Protein backbone atom coordinates (compact mmCIF):
# COMPACT_ATOMS: atom_id res chain seq x y z
CA MET A 1 -0.55 45.85 58.75
CA ALA A 2 -2.25 45.41 55.43
CA ARG A 3 -2.81 41.94 54.22
CA ALA A 4 -1.03 40.84 51.10
CA ARG A 5 -3.58 40.71 48.42
CA LYS A 6 -3.87 37.29 46.77
CA ASN A 7 -3.58 37.34 43.01
CA GLY A 8 -7.06 36.57 41.72
CA ASN A 9 -5.68 35.25 38.44
CA GLY A 10 -4.01 32.18 39.98
CA ARG A 11 -6.51 29.70 38.61
CA LEU A 12 -6.49 31.39 35.21
CA ASP A 13 -2.71 31.31 35.11
CA GLU A 14 -2.73 27.63 36.04
CA SER A 15 -5.33 26.91 33.38
CA VAL A 16 -3.26 28.72 30.75
CA VAL A 17 -0.17 26.71 31.75
CA ASN A 18 -2.18 23.47 31.54
CA LEU A 19 -3.60 24.50 28.19
CA ASN A 20 -0.12 25.29 26.84
CA GLN A 21 1.16 21.91 28.04
CA SER A 22 -1.79 20.17 26.44
CA VAL A 23 -1.24 21.99 23.16
CA ALA A 24 2.46 21.06 23.24
CA MET A 25 1.58 17.40 23.85
CA LEU A 26 -1.02 17.51 21.08
CA ASN A 27 1.52 19.02 18.68
CA GLN A 28 4.03 16.29 19.58
CA ALA A 29 1.40 13.58 19.08
CA MET A 30 0.41 15.13 15.73
CA ALA A 31 4.04 15.24 14.59
CA THR A 32 4.49 11.59 15.55
CA PHE A 33 1.27 10.67 13.76
CA LEU A 34 2.26 12.55 10.60
CA ALA A 35 5.69 10.90 10.57
CA ARG A 36 4.12 7.45 10.89
CA MET A 37 1.54 8.33 8.24
CA ALA A 38 4.32 9.37 5.86
CA GLU A 39 6.06 6.03 6.48
CA SER A 40 2.81 4.20 5.83
CA ASP A 41 2.21 6.17 2.64
CA ALA A 42 5.71 5.35 1.40
CA ARG A 43 5.23 1.66 2.21
CA PHE A 44 1.84 1.67 0.48
CA ALA A 45 3.37 3.28 -2.61
CA ARG A 46 6.07 0.56 -2.70
CA ILE A 47 3.44 -2.15 -2.37
CA GLU A 48 1.36 -0.58 -5.15
CA ALA A 49 4.44 -0.48 -7.41
CA GLU A 50 5.20 -4.13 -6.63
CA MET A 51 1.60 -5.09 -7.32
CA GLY A 52 1.77 -3.31 -10.67
CA GLU A 53 4.88 -5.30 -11.55
CA ILE A 54 3.21 -8.54 -10.44
CA ARG A 55 0.13 -7.74 -12.56
CA ARG A 56 2.34 -7.04 -15.58
CA ARG A 57 4.21 -10.32 -15.10
CA MET A 58 0.95 -12.23 -14.67
CA ASP A 59 -0.33 -10.74 -17.93
CA ASP A 60 2.88 -11.88 -19.64
CA ILE A 61 2.46 -15.37 -18.19
CA GLU A 62 -1.16 -15.49 -19.31
CA THR A 63 -0.12 -14.52 -22.85
CA ILE A 64 2.57 -17.20 -22.90
CA LEU A 65 0.15 -19.83 -21.60
CA HIS A 66 -2.35 -18.90 -24.29
CA GLU A 67 0.33 -19.25 -26.97
CA HIS A 68 1.44 -22.61 -25.54
CA SER A 69 -2.17 -23.83 -25.49
CA GLN A 70 -2.50 -22.98 -29.17
CA VAL A 71 0.73 -24.86 -29.95
CA LEU A 72 -0.42 -27.89 -27.95
CA GLU A 73 -3.81 -27.91 -29.68
CA ALA A 74 -2.10 -27.93 -33.07
CA LEU A 75 0.51 -30.52 -32.06
CA PRO A 76 -1.43 -33.73 -32.88
CA ASP A 77 -2.12 -32.53 -36.42
CA ALA A 78 1.50 -31.38 -36.82
CA VAL A 79 2.81 -34.79 -35.67
CA ARG A 80 0.44 -36.60 -38.05
CA ALA A 81 1.52 -34.37 -40.92
CA LYS A 82 5.22 -34.83 -40.07
CA PHE A 83 5.00 -38.62 -40.02
CA GLY A 84 2.50 -38.97 -42.87
CA PHE A 85 -0.48 -40.24 -40.88
CA GLN A 86 -3.95 -39.46 -42.06
CA THR A 87 -6.30 -37.46 -39.91
CA PRO A 88 -9.06 -39.79 -38.70
CA GLU A 89 -12.59 -38.95 -39.74
CA ARG A 90 -14.72 -37.74 -36.84
């Protein structure tokens, strides 16, 4: 009786199956990575927008503080003028 001939492509077939599984796993990992990256990008964009708002508010505060400093510097002379005191000679 003739022997059944073994398929010589067994290892190749197994390698192709393993390769396909590896590619599928890689694709899944890439999809997960891209989803997380998109979440990170969205979070970063929100943080950047918040930082822009904080910078704008800080600029407003700095402007107000500068104006208040000018008022406070002029206050002694304004009080003297209001109450009729003379400015001392320096």
